[in-house]
Amino acid sequence: MTTPLDSAAASAPELAANAQALGHTFGEIWKSMSGLSMPVPAVAELQKAYVEQATELWNQTLQAKPPAPADRRFAAPDWVKNPAAAYTAQMYLLNARTLMQMADSLQGDAKTKARIRFAVQQWIDMASPSNYLALNPEAQRKALETKGESIAQGIKHLLDDVRQGHVSQTDERVFEIGRNVATTEGAIVFDNELFQLIEYKPLTAKVYERPMLFVPPCINKYYILDLQPENSLIRHTVSEGHRTFVISWRNPTIEHRHWGLE
């Protein structure tokens, strides 16, 4: 019988490999960042512009004339009616613009700059006050109007995401491959470690001589191109007489940690 100690011992090599891979990744990131720099004049200009805009925003708030945030996340009237919320939203937008300008001002190789810009954008999106109940007057109003039902629904969705292991914006239980998604008939005609190649059955008597190949992003499933029949790009393509192929990328696991995107 397998004991917890046996399981822990069996997983130790995998944990060590994970730790080594993580350390290697951070090491590569650190080495790439060490070659970045920001010109002193650019830093000074950003600081000057930031102080001026922050001062103007503070003065407008003191005069009870905060400008309406020019962002769809803060489009609800609740953000303008509440001076504190309006100021918070405006300061967030100012900080976001400044951080992105700093990322754009970095000097270094293009690949590392793109990584930095991506990471900064992810942090900016996460830090939006609209994401937090304590800072979101629109969500607070809705919680009062629904007597807490909106919060209960949010917690339910959170628990569902935790159970399935990833964030979802739809109820994935209503989708079934082959029934109401990915319904166009096809077959796997090539298979290797990285992907499977699917050829779809023609829907016309004749097809064009030159085939059509779709290569979806590796973060998407192939059936993003083949949803329900009325909005399927794949079905439309084969209906127009094209011999159609689509790449279906494999889902990488810990065994494929050596894979790259180049």
C-alpha atoms as a PDB file:
ATOM      1  CA  MET A   1       0.000   0.000   0.000  1.00  0.00           C
ATOM      2  CA  THR A   2       1.301   3.446  -0.897  1.00  0.00           C
ATOM      3  CA  THR A   3       1.762   5.753   2.066  1.00  0.00           C
ATOM      4  CA  PRO A   4       1.949   9.574   2.100  1.00  0.00           C
ATOM      5  CA  LEU A   5       5.693   9.244   2.650  1.00  0.00           C
ATOM      6  CA  ASP A   6       5.980   7.078  -0.455  1.00  0.00           C
ATOM      7  CA  SER A   7       4.026   9.631  -2.475  1.00  0.00           C
ATOM      8  CA  ALA A   8       6.192  12.451  -1.176  1.00  0.00           C
ATOM      9  CA  ALA A   9       9.351  10.536  -2.028  1.00  0.00           C
ATOM     10  CA  ALA A  10       8.051   9.770  -5.518  1.00  0.00           C
ATOM     11  CA  SER A  11       7.220  13.420  -6.153  1.00  0.00           C
ATOM     12  CA  ALA A  12      10.545  14.735  -4.823  1.00  0.00           C
ATOM     13  CA  PRO A  13      12.404  14.429  -8.176  1.00  0.00           C
ATOM     14  CA  GLU A  14       9.556  16.215  -9.951  1.00  0.00           C
ATOM     15  CA  LEU A  15       9.560  19.001  -7.368  1.00  0.00           C
ATOM     16  CA  ALA A  16      13.322  19.332  -7.724  1.00  0.00           C
ATOM     17  CA  ALA A  17      12.975  19.542 -11.505  1.00  0.00           C
ATOM     18  CA  ASN A  18      10.275  22.195 -11.168  1.00  0.00           C
ATOM     19  CA  ALA A  19      12.440  24.220  -8.808  1.00  0.00           C
ATOM     20  CA  GLN A  20      15.403  23.939 -11.157  1.00  0.00           C
ATOM     21  CA  ALA A  21      13.308  25.043 -14.144  1.00  0.00           C
ATOM     22  CA  LEU A  22      11.906  27.986 -12.166  1.00  0.00           C
ATOM     23  CA  GLY A  23      15.380  29.026 -11.048  1.00  0.00           C
ATOM     24  CA  HIS A  24      16.663  28.804 -14.621  1.00  0.00           C
ATOM     25  CA  THR A  25      13.775  30.967 -15.848  1.00  0.00           C
ATOM     26  CA  PHE A  26      14.393  33.661 -13.223  1.00  0.00           C
ATOM     27  CA  GLY A  27      18.089  33.532 -14.003  1.00  0.00           C
ATOM     28  CA  GLU A  28      17.460  34.128 -17.690  1.00  0.00           C
ATOM     29  CA  ILE A  29      15.066  36.992 -16.910  1.00  0.00           C
ATOM     30  CA  TRP A  30      17.588  38.599 -14.572  1.00  0.00           C
ATOM     31  CA  LYS A  31      20.386  38.310 -17.146  1.00  0.00           C
ATOM     32  CA  SER A  32      18.217  39.847 -19.853  1.00  0.00           C
ATOM     33  CA  MET A  33      17.109  42.704 -17.581  1.00  0.00           C
ATOM     34  CA  SER A  34      20.700  43.502 -16.626  1.00  0.00           C
ATOM     35  CA  GLY A  35      21.251  44.794 -20.146  1.00  0.00           C
ATOM     36  CA  LEU A  36      18.432  47.343 -19.915  1.00  0.00           C
ATOM     37  CA  SER A  37      18.850  51.016 -19.093  1.00  0.00           C
ATOM     38  CA  MET A  38      16.792  54.197 -19.122  1.00  0.00           C
ATOM     39  CA  PRO A  39      18.198  57.540 -20.282  1.00  0.00           C
ATOM     40  CA  VAL A  40      18.433  60.117 -17.480  1.00  0.00           C
ATOM     41  CA  PRO A  41      16.662  62.833 -19.542  1.00  0.00           C
ATOM     42  CA  ALA A  42      13.733  60.478 -20.136  1.00  0.00           C
ATOM     43  CA  VAL A  43      13.432  59.747 -16.391  1.00  0.00           C
ATOM     44  CA  ALA A  44      13.528  63.465 -15.567  1.00  0.00           C
ATOM     45  CA  GLU A  45      10.851  64.250 -18.160  1.00  0.00           C
ATOM     46  CA  LEU A  46       8.586  61.489 -16.861  1.00  0.00           C
ATOM     47  CA  GLN A  47       8.988  62.669 -13.269  1.00  0.00           C
ATOM     48  CA  LYS A  48       8.229  66.277 -14.230  1.00  0.00           C
ATOM     49  CA  ALA A  49       5.111  65.330 -16.208  1.00  0.00           C
ATOM     50  CA  TYR A  50       3.892  63.004 -13.440  1.00  0.00           C
ATOM     51  CA  VAL A  51       4.195  65.640 -10.698  1.00  0.00           C
ATOM     52  CA  GLU A  52       2.426  68.244 -12.828  1.00  0.00           C
ATOM     53  CA  GLN A  53      -0.481  65.964 -13.695  1.00  0.00           C
ATOM     54  CA  ALA A  54      -0.835  64.617 -10.156  1.00  0.00           C
ATOM     55  CA  THR A  55      -0.856  68.169  -8.737  1.00  0.00           C
ATOM     56  CA  GLU A  56      -3.482  69.293 -11.247  1.00  0.00           C
ATOM     57  CA  LEU A  57      -5.633  66.279 -10.452  1.00  0.00           C
ATOM     58  CA  TRP A  58      -5.388  66.925  -6.701  1.00  0.00           C
ATOM     59  CA  ASN A  59      -6.377  70.583  -7.136  1.00  0.00           C
ATOM     60  CA  GLN A  60      -9.361  69.617  -9.273  1.00  0.00           C
ATOM     61  CA  THR A  61     -10.470  67.142  -6.621  1.00  0.00           C
ATOM     62  CA  LEU A  62     -10.221  69.773  -3.864  1.00  0.00           C
ATOM     63  CA  GLN A  63     -12.416  72.056  -5.963  1.00  0.00           C
ATOM     64  CA  ALA A  64     -14.978  69.242  -6.277  1.00  0.00           C
ATOM     65  CA  LYS A  65     -14.442  69.229 -10.041  1.00  0.00           C
ATOM     66  CA  PRO A  66     -12.757  65.891 -10.694  1.00  0.00           C
ATOM     67  CA  PRO A  67     -12.674  65.047 -14.427  1.00  0.00           C
ATOM     68  CA  ALA A  68     -14.584  61.990 -15.581  1.00  0.00           C
ATOM     69  CA  PRO A  69     -12.172  59.052 -16.057  1.00  0.00           C
ATOM     70  CA  ALA A  70     -11.748  58.372 -19.780  1.00  0.00           C
ATOM     71  CA  ASP A  71     -11.837  54.604 -19.474  1.00  0.00           C
ATOM     72  CA  ARG A  72     -14.716  52.186 -19.995  1.00  0.00           C
ATOM     73  CA  ARG A  73     -13.978  50.462 -16.683  1.00  0.00           C
ATOM     74  CA  PHE A  74     -14.991  53.680 -14.942  1.00  0.00           C
ATOM     75  CA  ALA A  75     -17.859  54.666 -17.253  1.00  0.00           C
ATOM     76  CA  ALA A  76     -20.626  54.186 -14.662  1.00  0.00           C
ATOM     77  CA  PRO A  77     -21.936  57.431 -13.079  1.00  0.00           C
ATOM     78  CA  ASP A  78     -20.944  56.066  -9.645  1.00  0.00           C
ATOM     79  CA  TRP A  79     -17.291  56.859 -10.355  1.00  0.00           C
ATOM     80  CA  VAL A  80     -17.982  60.549 -11.046  1.00  0.00           C
ATOM     81  CA  LYS A  81     -20.532  61.060  -8.268  1.00  0.00           C
ATOM     82  CA  ASN A  82     -18.040  59.837  -5.648  1.00  0.00           C
ATOM     83  CA  PRO A  83     -15.062  62.284  -5.520  1.00  0.00           C
ATOM     84  CA  ALA A  84     -12.847  59.761  -3.743  1.00  0.00           C
ATOM     85  CA  ALA A  85     -13.581  57.095  -6.358  1.00  0.00           C
ATOM     86  CA  ALA A  86     -13.035  59.565  -9.202  1.00  0.00           C
ATOM     87  CA  TYR A  87      -9.684  60.603  -7.737  1.00  0.00           C
ATOM     88  CA  THR A  88      -8.658  56.969  -7.230  1.00  0.00           C
ATOM     89  CA  ALA A  89      -9.554  56.100 -10.824  1.00  0.00           C
ATOM     90  CA  GLN A  90      -7.719  59.130 -12.222  1.00  0.00           C
ATOM     91  CA  MET A  91      -4.600  58.431 -10.162  1.00  0.00           C
ATOM     92  CA  TYR A  92      -4.670  54.817 -11.293  1.00  0.00           C
ATOM     93  CA  LEU A  93      -4.833  55.914 -14.947  1.00  0.00           C
ATOM     94  CA  LEU A  94      -1.994  58.396 -14.404  1.00  0.00           C
ATOM     95  CA  ASN A  95       0.157  55.720 -12.757  1.00  0.00           C
ATOM     96  CA  ALA A  96      -0.670  53.275 -15.548  1.00  0.00           C
ATOM     97  CA  ARG A  97       0.324  55.735 -18.267  1.00  0.00           C
ATOM     98  CA  THR A  98       3.556  56.592 -16.464  1.00  0.00           C
ATOM     99  CA  LEU A  99       4.541  52.967 -15.968  1.00  0.00           C
ATOM    100  CA  MET A 100       3.932  52.164 -19.641  1.00  0.00           C
ATOM    101  CA  GLN A 101       5.937  55.239 -20.675  1.00  0.00           C
ATOM    102  CA  MET A 102       8.777  54.047 -18.469  1.00  0.00           C
ATOM    103  CA  ALA A 103       8.638  50.603 -20.081  1.00  0.00           C
ATOM    104  CA  ASP A 104       8.668  52.182 -23.530  1.00  0.00           C
ATOM    105  CA  SER A 105      11.655  54.375 -22.589  1.00  0.00           C
ATOM    106  CA  LEU A 106      13.893  51.444 -21.699  1.00  0.00           C
ATOM    107  CA  GLN A 107      16.932  50.906 -23.874  1.00  0.00           C
ATOM    108  CA  GLY A 108      17.891  47.326 -24.664  1.00  0.00           C
ATOM    109  CA  ASP A 109      17.116  44.459 -26.990  1.00  0.00           C
ATOM    110  CA  ALA A 110      13.626  44.386 -28.448  1.00  0.00           C
ATOM    111  CA  LYS A 111      12.726  40.959 -27.034  1.00  0.00           C
ATOM    112  CA  THR A 112      13.469  41.919 -23.434  1.00  0.00           C
ATOM    113  CA  LYS A 113      11.657  45.240 -23.817  1.00  0.00           C
ATOM    114  CA  ALA A 114       8.593  43.379 -25.089  1.00  0.00           C
ATOM    115  CA  ARG A 115       8.710  41.082 -22.047  1.00  0.00           C
ATOM    116  CA  ILE A 116       8.944  44.041 -19.678  1.00  0.00           C
ATOM    117  CA  ARG A 117       6.079  45.830 -21.405  1.00  0.00           C
ATOM    118  CA  PHE A 118       3.924  42.705 -21.234  1.00  0.00           C
ATOM    119  CA  ALA A 119       4.636  42.213 -17.518  1.00  0.00           C
ATOM    120  CA  VAL A 120       3.904  45.865 -16.742  1.00  0.00           C
ATOM    121  CA  GLN A 121       0.610  45.695 -18.639  1.00  0.00           C
ATOM    122  CA  GLN A 122      -0.438  42.582 -16.704  1.00  0.00           C
ATOM    123  CA  TRP A 123       0.303  44.299 -13.398  1.00  0.00           C
ATOM    124  CA  ILE A 124      -1.560  47.444 -14.468  1.00  0.00           C
ATOM    125  CA  ASP A 125      -4.656  45.465 -15.449  1.00  0.00           C
ATOM    126  CA  MET A 126      -4.570  43.554 -12.168  1.00  0.00           C
ATOM    127  CA  ALA A 127      -4.215  46.725 -10.072  1.00  0.00           C
ATOM    128  CA  SER A 128      -7.280  48.486 -11.504  1.00  0.00           C
ATOM    129  CA  PRO A 129      -9.547  49.743  -8.691  1.00  0.00           C
ATOM    130  CA  SER A 130     -12.513  48.371 -10.633  1.00  0.00           C
ATOM    131  CA  ASN A 131     -11.267  44.881  -9.658  1.00  0.00           C
ATOM    132  CA  TYR A 132     -11.698  45.444  -5.923  1.00  0.00           C
ATOM    133  CA  LEU A 133     -14.991  45.750  -4.080  1.00  0.00           C
ATOM    134  CA  ALA A 134     -13.590  48.233  -1.535  1.00  0.00           C
ATOM    135  CA  LEU A 135     -12.586  50.616  -4.356  1.00  0.00           C
ATOM    136  CA  ASN A 136     -15.434  50.053  -6.816  1.00  0.00           C
ATOM    137  CA  PRO A 137     -18.513  52.233  -6.101  1.00  0.00           C
ATOM    138  CA  GLU A 138     -20.459  50.590  -8.926  1.00  0.00           C
ATOM    139  CA  ALA A 139     -19.994  47.130  -7.391  1.00  0.00           C
ATOM    140  CA  GLN A 140     -20.840  48.503  -3.950  1.00  0.00           C
ATOM    141  CA  ARG A 141     -24.113  49.974  -5.237  1.00  0.00           C
ATOM    142  CA  LYS A 142     -25.017  46.709  -6.934  1.00  0.00           C
ATOM    143  CA  ALA A 143     -24.289  44.778  -3.739  1.00  0.00           C
ATOM    144  CA  LEU A 144     -26.704  47.029  -1.844  1.00  0.00           C
ATOM    145  CA  GLU A 145     -29.382  46.823  -4.528  1.00  0.00           C
ATOM    146  CA  THR A 146     -29.231  43.017  -4.655  1.00  0.00           C
ATOM    147  CA  LYS A 147     -28.906  42.689  -0.883  1.00  0.00           C
ATOM    148  CA  GLY A 148     -25.592  40.899  -1.241  1.00  0.00           C
ATOM    149  CA  GLU A 149     -26.671  38.542  -4.028  1.00  0.00           C
ATOM    150  CA  SER A 150     -24.069  39.948  -6.443  1.00  0.00           C
ATOM    151  CA  ILE A 151     -21.299  39.192  -3.935  1.00  0.00           C
ATOM    152  CA  ALA A 152     -22.653  35.684  -3.379  1.00  0.00           C
ATOM    153  CA  GLN A 153     -22.656  35.071  -7.140  1.00  0.00           C
ATOM    154  CA  GLY A 154     -19.089  36.352  -7.391  1.00  0.00           C
ATOM    155  CA  ILE A 155     -17.939  33.985  -4.652  1.00  0.00           C
ATOM    156  CA  LYS A 156     -19.742  31.104  -6.388  1.00  0.00           C
ATOM    157  CA  HIS A 157     -17.934  31.854  -9.658  1.00  0.00           C
ATOM    158  CA  LEU A 158     -14.627  32.055  -7.780  1.00  0.00           C
ATOM    159  CA  LEU A 159     -15.174  28.645  -6.184  1.00  0.00           C
ATOM    160  CA  ASP A 160     -16.146  27.164  -9.563  1.00  0.00           C
ATOM    161  CA  ASP A 161     -12.906  28.485 -11.083  1.00  0.00           C
ATOM    162  CA  VAL A 162     -10.893  27.053  -8.194  1.00  0.00           C
ATOM    163  CA  ARG A 163     -12.515  23.639  -8.634  1.00  0.00           C
ATOM    164  CA  GLN A 164     -11.853  23.493 -12.382  1.00  0.00           C
ATOM    165  CA  GLY A 165      -8.328  24.848 -12.007  1.00  0.00           C
ATOM    166  CA  HIS A 166      -8.579  27.877 -14.291  1.00  0.00           C
ATOM    167  CA  VAL A 167     -10.489  31.113 -14.758  1.00  0.00           C
ATOM    168  CA  SER A 168     -13.527  30.906 -17.042  1.00  0.00           C
ATOM    169  CA  GLN A 169     -15.894  33.599 -18.291  1.00  0.00           C
ATOM    170  CA  THR A 170     -18.583  31.147 -19.400  1.00  0.00           C
ATOM    171  CA  ASP A 171     -20.263  28.008 -18.134  1.00  0.00           C
ATOM    172  CA  GLU A 172     -18.070  25.405 -19.816  1.00  0.00           C
ATOM    173  CA  ARG A 173     -20.466  22.593 -18.918  1.00  0.00           C
ATOM    174  CA  VAL A 174     -22.862  23.587 -21.709  1.00  0.00           C
ATOM    175  CA  PHE A 175     -20.233  22.983 -24.410  1.00  0.00           C
ATOM    176  CA  GLU A 176     -19.484  19.548 -25.832  1.00  0.00           C
ATOM    177  CA  ILE A 177     -16.969  19.025 -28.631  1.00  0.00           C
ATOM    178  CA  GLY A 178     -18.698  17.538 -31.659  1.00  0.00           C
ATOM    179  CA  ARG A 179     -22.199  18.448 -30.469  1.00  0.00           C
ATOM    180  CA  ASN A 180     -22.371  22.241 -30.185  1.00  0.00           C
ATOM    181  CA  VAL A 181     -18.726  23.188 -30.759  1.00  0.00           C
ATOM    182  CA  ALA A 182     -16.201  21.869 -33.330  1.00  0.00           C
ATOM    183  CA  THR A 183     -18.967  20.237 -35.358  1.00  0.00           C
ATOM    184  CA  THR A 184     -17.285  20.322 -38.795  1.00  0.00           C
ATOM    185  CA  GLU A 185     -16.224  16.825 -39.839  1.00  0.00           C
ATOM    186  CA  GLY A 186     -12.487  16.211 -40.097  1.00  0.00           C
ATOM    187  CA  ALA A 187      -9.701  13.733 -39.391  1.00  0.00           C
ATOM    188  CA  ILE A 188      -6.122  13.763 -38.096  1.00  0.00           C
ATOM    189  CA  VAL A 189      -3.760  13.229 -41.023  1.00  0.00           C
ATOM    190  CA  PHE A 190      -0.437  13.963 -39.300  1.00  0.00           C
ATOM    191  CA  ASP A 191       0.769  13.707 -35.731  1.00  0.00           C
ATOM    192  CA  ASN A 192       4.017  14.526 -33.930  1.00  0.00           C
ATOM    193  CA  GLU A 193       5.242  15.700 -30.519  1.00  0.00           C
ATOM    194  CA  LEU A 194       4.196  19.318 -31.064  1.00  0.00           C
ATOM    195  CA  PHE A 195       0.872  19.196 -32.878  1.00  0.00           C
ATOM    196  CA  GLN A 196      -1.769  17.278 -34.776  1.00  0.00           C
ATOM    197  CA  LEU A 197      -2.751  18.258 -38.313  1.00  0.00           C
ATOM    198  CA  ILE A 198      -6.476  18.074 -39.039  1.00  0.00           C
ATOM    199  CA  GLU A 199      -7.906  17.879 -42.556  1.00  0.00           C
ATOM    200  CA  TYR A 200     -11.590  18.750 -42.895  1.00  0.00           C
ATOM    201  CA  LYS A 201     -13.994  16.908 -45.179  1.00  0.00           C
ATOM    202  CA  PRO A 202     -14.845  18.989 -48.279  1.00  0.00           C
ATOM    203  CA  LEU A 203     -18.440  20.117 -48.660  1.00  0.00           C
ATOM    204  CA  THR A 204     -18.184  20.761 -52.402  1.00  0.00           C
ATOM    205  CA  ALA A 205     -17.760  18.442 -55.397  1.00  0.00           C
ATOM    206  CA  LYS A 206     -14.546  20.217 -56.406  1.00  0.00           C
ATOM    207  CA  VAL A 207     -11.894  22.000 -54.365  1.00  0.00           C
ATOM    208  CA  TYR A 208      -9.259  24.575 -55.203  1.00  0.00           C
ATOM    209  CA  GLU A 209      -5.833  23.245 -56.102  1.00  0.00           C
ATOM    210  CA  ARG A 210      -4.052  25.279 -53.425  1.00  0.00           C
ATOM    211  CA  PRO A 211      -5.031  24.147 -49.878  1.00  0.00           C
ATOM    212  CA  MET A 212      -5.809  26.441 -46.958  1.00  0.00           C
ATOM    213  CA  LEU A 213      -3.827  26.044 -43.708  1.00  0.00           C
ATOM    214  CA  PHE A 214      -4.914  27.693 -40.444  1.00  0.00           C
ATOM    215  CA  VAL A 215      -2.358  28.017 -37.637  1.00  0.00           C
ATOM    216  CA  PRO A 216      -4.157  29.203 -34.464  1.00  0.00           C
ATOM    217  CA  PRO A 217      -2.165  30.651 -31.536  1.00  0.00           C
ATOM    218  CA  CYS A 218      -0.726  27.952 -29.297  1.00  0.00           C
ATOM    219  CA  ILE A 219      -2.748  29.314 -26.358  1.00  0.00           C
ATOM    220  CA  ASN A 220      -6.019  28.603 -28.197  1.00  0.00           C
ATOM    221  CA  LYS A 221      -7.745  25.353 -29.055  1.00  0.00           C
ATOM    222  CA  TYR A 222      -8.171  24.653 -32.749  1.00  0.00           C
ATOM    223  CA  TYR A 223     -11.944  24.805 -32.403  1.00  0.00           C
ATOM    224  CA  ILE A 224     -11.800  28.539 -31.730  1.00  0.00           C
ATOM    225  CA  LEU A 225     -12.072  28.578 -35.540  1.00  0.00           C
ATOM    226  CA  ASP A 226     -14.924  26.050 -35.575  1.00  0.00           C
ATOM    227  CA  LEU A 227     -17.596  27.104 -33.145  1.00  0.00           C
ATOM    228  CA  GLN A 228     -21.257  26.555 -33.918  1.00  0.00           C
ATOM    229  CA  PRO A 229     -22.119  26.057 -37.612  1.00  0.00           C
ATOM    230  CA  GLU A 230     -23.503  29.569 -38.058  1.00  0.00           C
ATOM    231  CA  ASN A 231     -20.250  31.236 -36.910  1.00  0.00           C
ATOM    232  CA  SER A 232     -17.635  28.637 -37.904  1.00  0.00           C
ATOM    233  CA  LEU A 233     -14.769  29.918 -40.020  1.00  0.00           C
ATOM    234  CA  ILE A 234     -13.777  26.327 -40.831  1.00  0.00           C
ATOM    235  CA  ARG A 235     -17.244  25.393 -42.120  1.00  0.00           C
ATOM    236  CA  HIS A 236     -17.381  28.564 -44.186  1.00  0.00           C
ATOM    237  CA  THR A 237     -13.968  27.791 -45.720  1.00  0.00           C
ATOM    238  CA  VAL A 238     -14.807  24.217 -46.734  1.00  0.00           C
ATOM    239  CA  SER A 239     -18.199  25.386 -48.005  1.00  0.00           C
ATOM    240  CA  GLU A 240     -16.373  27.740 -50.358  1.00  0.00           C
ATOM    241  CA  GLY A 241     -14.454  24.858 -51.927  1.00  0.00           C
ATOM    242  CA  HIS A 242     -11.155  25.092 -50.064  1.00  0.00           C
ATOM    243  CA  ARG A 243      -9.251  21.998 -48.972  1.00  0.00           C
ATOM    244  CA  THR A 244      -8.767  22.998 -45.336  1.00  0.00           C
ATOM    245  CA  PHE A 245      -6.121  22.026 -42.779  1.00  0.00           C
ATOM    246  CA  VAL A 246      -5.800  23.232 -39.171  1.00  0.00           C
ATOM    247  CA  ILE A 247      -3.011  22.739 -36.651  1.00  0.00           C
ATOM    248  CA  SER A 248      -4.057  21.585 -33.187  1.00  0.00           C
ATOM    249  CA  TRP A 249      -1.260  22.284 -30.701  1.00  0.00           C
ATOM    250  CA  ARG A 250      -0.575  19.789 -27.949  1.00  0.00           C
ATOM    251  CA  ASN A 251      -1.127  20.836 -24.348  1.00  0.00           C
ATOM    252  CA  PRO A 252       2.365  21.022 -22.816  1.00  0.00           C
ATOM    253  CA  THR A 253       3.035  19.337 -19.482  1.00  0.00           C
ATOM    254  CA  ILE A 254       5.995  19.330 -17.109  1.00  0.00           C
ATOM    255  CA  GLU A 255       7.712  16.902 -19.496  1.00  0.00           C
ATOM    256  CA  HIS A 256       7.752  19.608 -22.169  1.00  0.00           C
ATOM    257  CA  ARG A 257       9.283  22.386 -20.073  1.00  0.00           C
ATOM    258  CA  HIS A 258      12.221  22.538 -22.478  1.00  0.00           C
ATOM    259  CA  TRP A 259       9.943  23.712 -25.295  1.00  0.00           C
ATOM    260  CA  GLY A 260      10.203  27.322 -26.413  1.00  0.00           C
ATOM    261  CA  LEU A 261       8.270  29.619 -28.732  1.00  0.00           C
ATOM    262  CA  GLU A 262      11.031  30.132 -31.274  1.00  0.00           C
END
